[in-house]
Amino acid sequence: MLDISRDIQSLSNFKRNTSSAIAQMKQTGEPIVLTVNGKAEVVVQDAKSYQQLLEKIETLEAIAGIKQGLADIESGKTQPVTEFIDEMQQKYGISS
């Protein structure tokens, strides 16, 4: 969870203390929000945590796709694979 007293800092402070900021990110696994003129502009994150985030997103997208497929089955928006194959063979002139 983001700790605003630790994980939000100015870009100029980040530049002055880059090494300690990197060490903090590696230790906590949390990103740092960098501000410019008091407004959040950039989020910096260590590579390991970023990779974990990408993997979680991929998993969530797969789950969403599975849920959509199950909903399509329930609502009758699917067809048997044999019908699909026949349709594609006819459409593209493919002989079986």
PDB file of N, CA and C in Angstrom:
ATOM      1  N   MET A   1       0.840  -1.176   0.000  1.00  0.00           N
ATOM      2  CA  MET A   1       0.000   0.000   0.000  1.00  0.00           C
ATOM      3  C   MET A   1       0.886   1.240   0.000  1.00  0.00           C
ATOM      4  N   LEU A   2       0.476   2.223  -0.738  1.00  0.00           N
ATOM      5  CA  LEU A   2       1.233   3.464  -0.873  1.00  0.00           C
ATOM      6  C   LEU A   2       1.265   4.222   0.451  1.00  0.00           C
ATOM      7  N   ASP A   3       2.456   4.594   0.877  1.00  0.00           N
ATOM      8  CA  ASP A   3       2.646   5.399   2.084  1.00  0.00           C
ATOM      9  C   ASP A   3       2.979   6.812   1.619  1.00  0.00           C
ATOM     10  N   ILE A   4       2.028   7.731   1.729  1.00  0.00           N
ATOM     11  CA  ILE A   4       2.236   9.056   1.141  1.00  0.00           C
ATOM     12  C   ILE A   4       3.393   9.830   1.754  1.00  0.00           C
ATOM     13  N   SER A   5       3.732   9.530   2.986  1.00  0.00           N
ATOM     14  CA  SER A   5       4.873  10.235   3.592  1.00  0.00           C
ATOM     15  C   SER A   5       6.205   9.702   3.058  1.00  0.00           C
ATOM     16  N   ARG A   6       6.199   8.489   2.518  1.00  0.00           N
ATOM     17  CA  ARG A   6       7.433   7.874   2.044  1.00  0.00           C
ATOM     18  C   ARG A   6       7.456   7.743   0.519  1.00  0.00           C
ATOM     19  N   ASP A   7       6.305   7.464  -0.087  1.00  0.00           N
ATOM     20  CA  ASP A   7       6.270   7.068  -1.491  1.00  0.00           C
ATOM     21  C   ASP A   7       5.898   8.180  -2.465  1.00  0.00           C
ATOM     22  N   ILE A   8       5.734   9.394  -1.973  1.00  0.00           N
ATOM     23  CA  ILE A   8       5.510  10.541  -2.851  1.00  0.00           C
ATOM     24  C   ILE A   8       6.606  11.545  -2.546  1.00  0.00           C
ATOM     25  N   GLN A   9       7.332  11.922  -3.600  1.00  0.00           N
ATOM     26  CA  GLN A   9       8.408  12.888  -3.407  1.00  0.00           C
ATOM     27  C   GLN A   9       8.615  13.706  -4.662  1.00  0.00           C
ATOM     28  N   SER A  10       9.278  14.807  -4.506  1.00  0.00           N
ATOM     29  CA  SER A  10       9.528  15.674  -5.656  1.00  0.00           C
ATOM     30  C   SER A  10      10.581  15.051  -6.566  1.00  0.00           C
ATOM     31  N   LEU A  11      10.503  15.422  -7.815  1.00  0.00           N
ATOM     32  CA  LEU A  11      11.485  14.947  -8.783  1.00  0.00           C
ATOM     33  C   LEU A  11      12.885  15.407  -8.391  1.00  0.00           C
ATOM     34  N   SER A  12      13.007  16.634  -7.930  1.00  0.00           N
ATOM     35  CA  SER A  12      14.337  17.135  -7.548  1.00  0.00           C
ATOM     36  C   SER A  12      14.908  16.352  -6.364  1.00  0.00           C
ATOM     37  N   ASN A  13      14.073  15.989  -5.402  1.00  0.00           N
ATOM     38  CA  ASN A  13      14.534  15.172  -4.275  1.00  0.00           C
ATOM     39  C   ASN A  13      14.954  13.783  -4.765  1.00  0.00           C
ATOM     40  N   PHE A  14      14.190  13.217  -5.695  1.00  0.00           N
ATOM     41  CA  PHE A  14      14.527  11.913  -6.270  1.00  0.00           C
ATOM     42  C   PHE A  14      15.890  11.972  -6.967  1.00  0.00           C
ATOM     43  N   LYS A  15      16.120  13.036  -7.711  1.00  0.00           N
ATOM     44  CA  LYS A  15      17.404  13.191  -8.401  1.00  0.00           C
ATOM     45  C   LYS A  15      18.572  13.253  -7.404  1.00  0.00           C
ATOM     46  N   ARG A  16      18.356  13.956  -6.305  1.00  0.00           N
ATOM     47  CA  ARG A  16      19.422  14.095  -5.296  1.00  0.00           C
ATOM     48  C   ARG A  16      19.664  12.782  -4.543  1.00  0.00           C
ATOM     49  N   ASN A  17      18.641  11.976  -4.393  1.00  0.00           N
ATOM     50  CA  ASN A  17      18.721  10.765  -3.558  1.00  0.00           C
ATOM     51  C   ASN A  17      18.318   9.505  -4.322  1.00  0.00           C
ATOM     52  N   THR A  18      18.746   9.412  -5.557  1.00  0.00           N
ATOM     53  CA  THR A  18      18.339   8.296  -6.400  1.00  0.00           C
ATOM     54  C   THR A  18      18.702   6.943  -5.794  1.00  0.00           C
ATOM     55  N   SER A  19      19.903   6.808  -5.293  1.00  0.00           N
ATOM     56  CA  SER A  19      20.348   5.517  -4.745  1.00  0.00           C
ATOM     57  C   SER A  19      19.470   5.059  -3.589  1.00  0.00           C
ATOM     58  N   SER A  20      19.148   5.975  -2.688  1.00  0.00           N
ATOM     59  CA  SER A  20      18.307   5.581  -1.546  1.00  0.00           C
ATOM     60  C   SER A  20      16.874   5.305  -1.995  1.00  0.00           C
ATOM     61  N   ALA A  21      16.400   6.012  -3.006  1.00  0.00           N
ATOM     62  CA  ALA A  21      15.053   5.759  -3.523  1.00  0.00           C
ATOM     63  C   ALA A  21      14.971   4.368  -4.157  1.00  0.00           C
ATOM     64  N   ILE A  22      15.997   3.998  -4.901  1.00  0.00           N
ATOM     65  CA  ILE A  22      16.028   2.667  -5.509  1.00  0.00           C
ATOM     66  C   ILE A  22      16.069   1.594  -4.437  1.00  0.00           C
ATOM     67  N   ALA A  23      16.881   1.801  -3.433  1.00  0.00           N
ATOM     68  CA  ALA A  23      16.958   0.841  -2.320  1.00  0.00           C
ATOM     69  C   ALA A  23      15.604   0.708  -1.632  1.00  0.00           C
ATOM     70  N   GLN A  24      14.915   1.827  -1.448  1.00  0.00           N
ATOM     71  CA  GLN A  24      13.590   1.816  -0.824  1.00  0.00           C
ATOM     72  C   GLN A  24      12.603   1.001  -1.657  1.00  0.00           C
ATOM     73  N   MET A  25      12.612   1.231  -2.978  1.00  0.00           N
ATOM     74  CA  MET A  25      11.690   0.508  -3.857  1.00  0.00           C
ATOM     75  C   MET A  25      11.967  -0.992  -3.837  1.00  0.00           C
ATOM     76  N   LYS A  26      13.227  -1.366  -3.837  1.00  0.00           N
ATOM     77  CA  LYS A  26      13.573  -2.786  -3.787  1.00  0.00           C
ATOM     78  C   LYS A  26      13.149  -3.410  -2.461  1.00  0.00           C
ATOM     79  N   GLN A  27      13.304  -2.666  -1.380  1.00  0.00           N
ATOM     80  CA  GLN A  27      12.957  -3.181  -0.054  1.00  0.00           C
ATOM     81  C   GLN A  27      11.441  -3.301   0.118  1.00  0.00           C
ATOM     82  N   THR A  28      10.718  -2.261  -0.274  1.00  0.00           N
ATOM     83  CA  THR A  28       9.265  -2.236  -0.027  1.00  0.00           C
ATOM     84  C   THR A  28       8.454  -2.872  -1.150  1.00  0.00           C
ATOM     85  N   GLY A  29       8.997  -2.881  -2.362  1.00  0.00           N
ATOM     86  CA  GLY A  29       8.239  -3.364  -3.510  1.00  0.00           C
ATOM     87  C   GLY A  29       7.198  -2.371  -3.977  1.00  0.00           C
ATOM     88  N   GLU A  30       7.197  -1.190  -3.383  1.00  0.00           N
ATOM     89  CA  GLU A  30       6.222  -0.159  -3.728  1.00  0.00           C
ATOM     90  C   GLU A  30       6.845   0.877  -4.662  1.00  0.00           C
ATOM     91  N   PRO A  31       6.042   1.441  -5.563  1.00  0.00           N
ATOM     92  CA  PRO A  31       6.551   2.488  -6.447  1.00  0.00           C
ATOM     93  C   PRO A  31       6.684   3.808  -5.698  1.00  0.00           C
ATOM     94  N   ILE A  32       7.347   4.742  -6.341  1.00  0.00           N
ATOM     95  CA  ILE A  32       7.449   6.100  -5.819  1.00  0.00           C
ATOM     96  C   ILE A  32       6.779   7.023  -6.835  1.00  0.00           C
ATOM     97  N   VAL A  33       5.915   7.891  -6.342  1.00  0.00           N
ATOM     98  CA  VAL A  33       5.248   8.888  -7.181  1.00  0.00           C
ATOM     99  C   VAL A  33       6.097  10.143  -7.136  1.00  0.00           C
ATOM    100  N   LEU A  34       6.506  10.613  -8.302  1.00  0.00           N
ATOM    101  CA  LEU A  34       7.324  11.821  -8.370  1.00  0.00           C
ATOM    102  C   LEU A  34       6.454  13.001  -8.771  1.00  0.00           C
ATOM    103  N   THR A  35       6.665  14.102  -8.083  1.00  0.00           N
ATOM    104  CA  THR A  35       5.870  15.299  -8.348  1.00  0.00           C
ATOM    105  C   THR A  35       6.723  16.369  -9.009  1.00  0.00           C
ATOM    106  N   VAL A  36       6.056  17.182  -9.811  1.00  0.00           N
ATOM    107  CA  VAL A  36       6.670  18.357 -10.412  1.00  0.00           C
ATOM    108  C   VAL A  36       5.720  19.509 -10.111  1.00  0.00           C
ATOM    109  N   ASN A  37       6.235  20.523  -9.468  1.00  0.00           N
ATOM    110  CA  ASN A  37       5.418  21.664  -9.041  1.00  0.00           C
ATOM    111  C   ASN A  37       4.218  21.217  -8.209  1.00  0.00           C
ATOM    112  N   GLY A  38       4.426  20.203  -7.375  1.00  0.00           N
ATOM    113  CA  GLY A  38       3.387  19.751  -6.457  1.00  0.00           C
ATOM    114  C   GLY A  38       2.344  18.826  -7.044  1.00  0.00           C
ATOM    115  N   LYS A  39       2.479  18.495  -8.321  1.00  0.00           N
ATOM    116  CA  LYS A  39       1.514  17.606  -8.974  1.00  0.00           C
ATOM    117  C   LYS A  39       2.176  16.289  -9.355  1.00  0.00           C
ATOM    118  N   ALA A  40       1.459  15.190  -9.154  1.00  0.00           N
ATOM    119  CA  ALA A  40       1.993  13.879  -9.532  1.00  0.00           C
ATOM    120  C   ALA A  40       2.212  13.843 -11.037  1.00  0.00           C
ATOM    121  N   GLU A  41       3.417  13.457 -11.455  1.00  0.00           N
ATOM    122  CA  GLU A  41       3.754  13.425 -12.880  1.00  0.00           C
ATOM    123  C   GLU A  41       4.232  12.060 -13.354  1.00  0.00           C
ATOM    124  N   VAL A  42       4.994  11.353 -12.508  1.00  0.00           N
ATOM    125  CA  VAL A  42       5.629  10.110 -12.933  1.00  0.00           C
ATOM    126  C   VAL A  42       5.590   9.114 -11.778  1.00  0.00           C
ATOM    127  N   VAL A  43       5.451   7.834 -12.127  1.00  0.00           N
ATOM    128  CA  VAL A  43       5.553   6.769 -11.139  1.00  0.00           C
ATOM    129  C   VAL A  43       6.779   5.939 -11.505  1.00  0.00           C
ATOM    130  N   VAL A  44       7.653   5.731 -10.526  1.00  0.00           N
ATOM    131  CA  VAL A  44       8.879   4.956 -10.726  1.00  0.00           C
ATOM    132  C   VAL A  44       8.760   3.679  -9.905  1.00  0.00           C
ATOM    133  N   GLN A  45       9.160   2.554 -10.533  1.00  0.00           N
ATOM    134  CA  GLN A  45       9.006   1.264  -9.860  1.00  0.00           C
ATOM    135  C   GLN A  45      10.212   0.384 -10.182  1.00  0.00           C
ATOM    136  N   ASP A  46      10.596  -0.476  -9.229  1.00  0.00           N
ATOM    137  CA  ASP A  46      11.717  -1.376  -9.509  1.00  0.00           C
ATOM    138  C   ASP A  46      11.270  -2.451 -10.494  1.00  0.00           C
ATOM    139  N   ALA A  47      12.219  -3.017 -11.211  1.00  0.00           N
ATOM    140  CA  ALA A  47      11.927  -3.943 -12.305  1.00  0.00           C
ATOM    141  C   ALA A  47      11.182  -5.194 -11.841  1.00  0.00           C
ATOM    142  N   LYS A  48      11.573  -5.752 -10.709  1.00  0.00           N
ATOM    143  CA  LYS A  48      10.929  -6.971 -10.217  1.00  0.00           C
ATOM    144  C   LYS A  48       9.449  -6.733  -9.916  1.00  0.00           C
ATOM    145  N   SER A  49       9.148  -5.631  -9.244  1.00  0.00           N
ATOM    146  CA  SER A  49       7.756  -5.317  -8.921  1.00  0.00           C
ATOM    147  C   SER A  49       6.953  -5.028 -10.181  1.00  0.00           C
ATOM    148  N   TYR A  50       7.583  -4.364 -11.150  1.00  0.00           N
ATOM    149  CA  TYR A  50       6.905  -4.072 -12.418  1.00  0.00           C
ATOM    150  C   TYR A  50       6.570  -5.369 -13.144  1.00  0.00           C
ATOM    151  N   GLN A  51       7.498  -6.311 -13.172  1.00  0.00           N
ATOM    152  CA  GLN A  51       7.254  -7.606 -13.814  1.00  0.00           C
ATOM    153  C   GLN A  51       6.099  -8.331 -13.119  1.00  0.00           C
ATOM    154  N   GLN A  52       6.075  -8.298 -11.803  1.00  0.00           N
ATOM    155  CA  GLN A  52       4.980  -8.929 -11.061  1.00  0.00           C
ATOM    156  C   GLN A  52       3.642  -8.273 -11.399  1.00  0.00           C
ATOM    157  N   LEU A  53       3.645  -6.964 -11.552  1.00  0.00           N
ATOM    158  CA  LEU A  53       2.427  -6.249 -11.928  1.00  0.00           C
ATOM    159  C   LEU A  53       1.953  -6.684 -13.312  1.00  0.00           C
ATOM    160  N   LEU A  54       2.871  -6.795 -14.256  1.00  0.00           N
ATOM    161  CA  LEU A  54       2.511  -7.245 -15.608  1.00  0.00           C
ATOM    162  C   LEU A  54       1.924  -8.655 -15.582  1.00  0.00           C
ATOM    163  N   GLU A  55       2.507  -9.534 -14.767  1.00  0.00           N
ATOM    164  CA  GLU A  55       2.001 -10.900 -14.664  1.00  0.00           C
ATOM    165  C   GLU A  55       0.600 -10.930 -14.058  1.00  0.00           C
ATOM    166  N   LYS A  56       0.356 -10.082 -13.069  1.00  0.00           N
ATOM    167  CA  LYS A  56      -0.984 -10.010 -12.471  1.00  0.00           C
ATOM    168  C   LYS A  56      -2.006  -9.504 -13.487  1.00  0.00           C
ATOM    169  N   ILE A  57      -1.626  -8.510 -14.270  1.00  0.00           N
ATOM    170  CA  ILE A  57      -2.522  -7.985 -15.301  1.00  0.00           C
ATOM    171  C   ILE A  57      -2.846  -9.075 -16.315  1.00  0.00           C
ATOM    172  N   GLU A  58      -1.829  -9.824 -16.734  1.00  0.00           N
ATOM    173  CA  GLU A  58      -2.034 -10.908 -17.696  1.00  0.00           C
ATOM    174  C   GLU A  58      -3.006 -11.950 -17.141  1.00  0.00           C
ATOM    175  N   THR A  59      -2.853 -12.293 -15.876  1.00  0.00           N
ATOM    176  CA  THR A  59      -3.747 -13.256 -15.232  1.00  0.00           C
ATOM    177  C   THR A  59      -5.173 -12.721 -15.195  1.00  0.00           C
ATOM    178  N   LEU A  60      -5.323 -11.457 -14.811  1.00  0.00           N
ATOM    179  CA  LEU A  60      -6.658 -10.859 -14.746  1.00  0.00           C
ATOM    180  C   LEU A  60      -7.320 -10.782 -16.125  1.00  0.00           C
ATOM    181  N   GLU A  61      -6.533 -10.486 -17.157  1.00  0.00           N
ATOM    182  CA  GLU A  61      -7.083 -10.452 -18.514  1.00  0.00           C
ATOM    183  C   GLU A  61      -7.532 -11.842 -18.947  1.00  0.00           C
ATOM    184  N   ALA A  62      -6.770 -12.870 -18.582  1.00  0.00           N
ATOM    185  CA  ALA A  62      -7.158 -14.248 -18.912  1.00  0.00           C
ATOM    186  C   ALA A  62      -8.464 -14.615 -18.203  1.00  0.00           C
ATOM    187  N   ILE A  63      -8.572 -14.256 -16.940  1.00  0.00           N
ATOM    188  CA  ILE A  63      -9.798 -14.542 -16.179  1.00  0.00           C
ATOM    189  C   ILE A  63     -10.985 -13.819 -16.808  1.00  0.00           C
ATOM    190  N   ALA A  64     -10.794 -12.557 -17.194  1.00  0.00           N
ATOM    191  CA  ALA A  64     -11.872 -11.801 -17.835  1.00  0.00           C
ATOM    192  C   ALA A  64     -12.288 -12.455 -19.149  1.00  0.00           C
ATOM    193  N   GLY A  65     -11.314 -12.938 -19.918  1.00  0.00           N
ATOM    194  CA  GLY A  65     -11.621 -13.623 -21.176  1.00  0.00           C
ATOM    195  C   GLY A  65     -12.401 -14.908 -20.949  1.00  0.00           C
ATOM    196  N   ILE A  66     -12.017 -15.649 -19.938  1.00  0.00           N
ATOM    197  CA  ILE A  66     -12.725 -16.893 -19.602  1.00  0.00           C
ATOM    198  C   ILE A  66     -14.150 -16.579 -19.174  1.00  0.00           C
ATOM    199  N   LYS A  67     -14.319 -15.560 -18.330  1.00  0.00           N
ATOM    200  CA  LYS A  67     -15.660 -15.170 -17.896  1.00  0.00           C
ATOM    201  C   LYS A  67     -16.519 -14.747 -19.079  1.00  0.00           C
ATOM    202  N   GLN A  68     -15.920 -14.002 -20.023  1.00  0.00           N
ATOM    203  CA  GLN A  68     -16.666 -13.583 -21.211  1.00  0.00           C
ATOM    204  C   GLN A  68     -17.063 -14.794 -22.049  1.00  0.00           C
ATOM    205  N   GLY A  69     -16.157 -15.742 -22.190  1.00  0.00           N
ATOM    206  CA  GLY A  69     -16.473 -16.957 -22.940  1.00  0.00           C
ATOM    207  C   GLY A  69     -17.598 -17.744 -22.302  1.00  0.00           C
ATOM    208  N   LEU A  70     -17.567 -17.868 -20.990  1.00  0.00           N
ATOM    209  CA  LEU A  70     -18.640 -18.584 -20.286  1.00  0.00           C
ATOM    210  C   LEU A  70     -19.971 -17.845 -20.434  1.00  0.00           C
ATOM    211  N   ALA A  71     -19.928 -16.511 -20.373  1.00  0.00           N
ATOM    212  CA  ALA A  71     -21.154 -15.720 -20.561  1.00  0.00           C
ATOM    213  C   ALA A  71     -21.689 -15.899 -21.982  1.00  0.00           C
ATOM    214  N   ASP A  72     -20.786 -15.950 -22.972  1.00  0.00           N
ATOM    215  CA  ASP A  72     -21.206 -16.175 -24.362  1.00  0.00           C
ATOM    216  C   ASP A  72     -21.867 -17.537 -24.519  1.00  0.00           C
ATOM    217  N   ILE A  73     -21.330 -18.536 -23.843  1.00  0.00           N
ATOM    218  CA  ILE A  73     -21.927 -19.877 -23.907  1.00  0.00           C
ATOM    219  C   ILE A  73     -23.323 -19.843 -23.315  1.00  0.00           C
ATOM    220  N   GLU A  74     -23.459 -19.221 -22.151  1.00  0.00           N
ATOM    221  CA  GLU A  74     -24.760 -19.156 -21.487  1.00  0.00           C
ATOM    222  C   GLU A  74     -25.796 -18.411 -22.314  1.00  0.00           C
ATOM    223  N   SER A  75     -25.370 -17.372 -23.030  1.00  0.00           N
ATOM    224  CA  SER A  75     -26.321 -16.574 -23.808  1.00  0.00           C
ATOM    225  C   SER A  75     -26.525 -17.112 -25.224  1.00  0.00           C
ATOM    226  N   GLY A  76     -25.863 -18.216 -25.550  1.00  0.00           N
ATOM    227  CA  GLY A  76     -26.059 -18.829 -26.865  1.00  0.00           C
ATOM    228  C   GLY A  76     -25.324 -18.142 -27.999  1.00  0.00           C
ATOM    229  N   LYS A  77     -24.279 -17.410 -27.695  1.00  0.00           N
ATOM    230  CA  LYS A  77     -23.514 -16.702 -28.730  1.00  0.00           C
ATOM    231  C   LYS A  77     -22.396 -17.559 -29.315  1.00  0.00           C
ATOM    232  N   THR A  78     -22.455 -18.852 -29.127  1.00  0.00           N
ATOM    233  CA  THR A  78     -21.413 -19.745 -29.632  1.00  0.00           C
ATOM    234  C   THR A  78     -22.022 -20.755 -30.591  1.00  0.00           C
ATOM    235  N   GLN A  79     -21.165 -21.482 -31.256  1.00  0.00           N
ATOM    236  CA  GLN A  79     -21.615 -22.550 -32.142  1.00  0.00           C
ATOM    237  C   GLN A  79     -20.647 -23.718 -32.014  1.00  0.00           C
ATOM    238  N   PRO A  80     -21.103 -24.905 -32.316  1.00  0.00           N
ATOM    239  CA  PRO A  80     -20.199 -26.061 -32.257  1.00  0.00           C
ATOM    240  C   PRO A  80     -19.020 -25.886 -33.220  1.00  0.00           C
ATOM    241  N   VAL A  81     -17.872 -26.416 -32.846  1.00  0.00           N
ATOM    242  CA  VAL A  81     -16.674 -26.254 -33.658  1.00  0.00           C
ATOM    243  C   VAL A  81     -16.840 -26.864 -35.044  1.00  0.00           C
ATOM    244  N   THR A  82     -17.589 -27.937 -35.144  1.00  0.00           N
ATOM    245  CA  THR A  82     -17.791 -28.557 -36.463  1.00  0.00           C
ATOM    246  C   THR A  82     -18.531 -27.609 -37.400  1.00  0.00           C
ATOM    247  N   GLU A  83     -19.505 -26.864 -36.879  1.00  0.00           N
ATOM    248  CA  GLU A  83     -20.213 -25.882 -37.703  1.00  0.00           C
ATOM    249  C   GLU A  83     -19.268 -24.760 -38.126  1.00  0.00           C
ATOM    250  N   PHE A  84     -18.428 -24.318 -37.218  1.00  0.00           N
ATOM    251  CA  PHE A  84     -17.470 -23.261 -37.525  1.00  0.00           C
ATOM    252  C   PHE A  84     -16.509 -23.707 -38.627  1.00  0.00           C
ATOM    253  N   ILE A  85     -16.006 -24.930 -38.513  1.00  0.00           N
ATOM    254  CA  ILE A  85     -15.074 -25.451 -39.525  1.00  0.00           C
ATOM    255  C   ILE A  85     -15.748 -25.521 -40.884  1.00  0.00           C
ATOM    256  N   ASP A  86     -16.971 -26.042 -40.910  1.00  0.00           N
ATOM    257  CA  ASP A  86     -17.718 -26.108 -42.176  1.00  0.00           C
ATOM    258  C   ASP A  86     -17.905 -24.715 -42.773  1.00  0.00           C
ATOM    259  N   GLU A  87     -18.262 -23.765 -41.938  1.00  0.00           N
ATOM    260  CA  GLU A  87     -18.477 -22.384 -42.381  1.00  0.00           C
ATOM    261  C   GLU A  87     -17.207 -21.789 -42.976  1.00  0.00           C
ATOM    262  N   MET A  88     -16.071 -21.988 -42.311  1.00  0.00           N
ATOM    263  CA  MET A  88     -14.801 -21.447 -42.803  1.00  0.00           C
ATOM    264  C   MET A  88     -14.359 -22.136 -44.095  1.00  0.00           C
ATOM    265  N   GLN A  89     -14.595 -23.442 -44.167  1.00  0.00           N
ATOM    266  CA  GLN A  89     -14.234 -24.166 -45.391  1.00  0.00           C
ATOM    267  C   GLN A  89     -15.043 -23.661 -46.569  1.00  0.00           C
ATOM    268  N   GLN A  90     -16.318 -23.424 -46.367  1.00  0.00           N
ATOM    269  CA  GLN A  90     -17.159 -22.891 -47.439  1.00  0.00           C
ATOM    270  C   GLN A  90     -16.772 -21.460 -47.785  1.00  0.00           C
ATOM    271  N   LYS A  91     -16.567 -20.644 -46.788  1.00  0.00           N
ATOM    272  CA  LYS A  91     -16.253 -19.230 -46.994  1.00  0.00           C
ATOM    273  C   LYS A  91     -14.940 -19.049 -47.758  1.00  0.00           C
ATOM    274  N   TYR A  92     -13.930 -19.864 -47.449  1.00  0.00           N
ATOM    275  CA  TYR A  92     -12.607 -19.684 -48.045  1.00  0.00           C
ATOM    276  C   TYR A  92     -12.245 -20.765 -49.065  1.00  0.00           C
ATOM    277  N   GLY A  93     -13.230 -21.576 -49.446  1.00  0.00           N
ATOM    278  CA  GLY A  93     -12.999 -22.580 -50.470  1.00  0.00           C
ATOM    279  C   GLY A  93     -11.980 -23.633 -50.078  1.00  0.00           C
ATOM    280  N   ILE A  94     -12.011 -24.046 -48.846  1.00  0.00           N
ATOM    281  CA  ILE A  94     -11.074 -25.057 -48.338  1.00  0.00           C
ATOM    282  C   ILE A  94     -11.766 -26.409 -48.402  1.00  0.00           C
ATOM    283  N   SER A  95     -11.089 -27.372 -49.017  1.00  0.00           N
ATOM    284  CA  SER A  95     -11.693 -28.699 -49.061  1.00  0.00           C
ATOM    285  C   SER A  95     -11.271 -29.497 -47.832  1.00  0.00           C
ATOM    286  N   SER A  96     -12.154 -30.367 -47.392  1.00  0.00           N
ATOM    287  CA  SER A  96     -11.874 -31.116 -46.163  1.00  0.00           C
ATOM    288  C   SER A  96     -11.116 -32.360 -46.390  1.00  0.00           C
TER     289      SER A  96
END
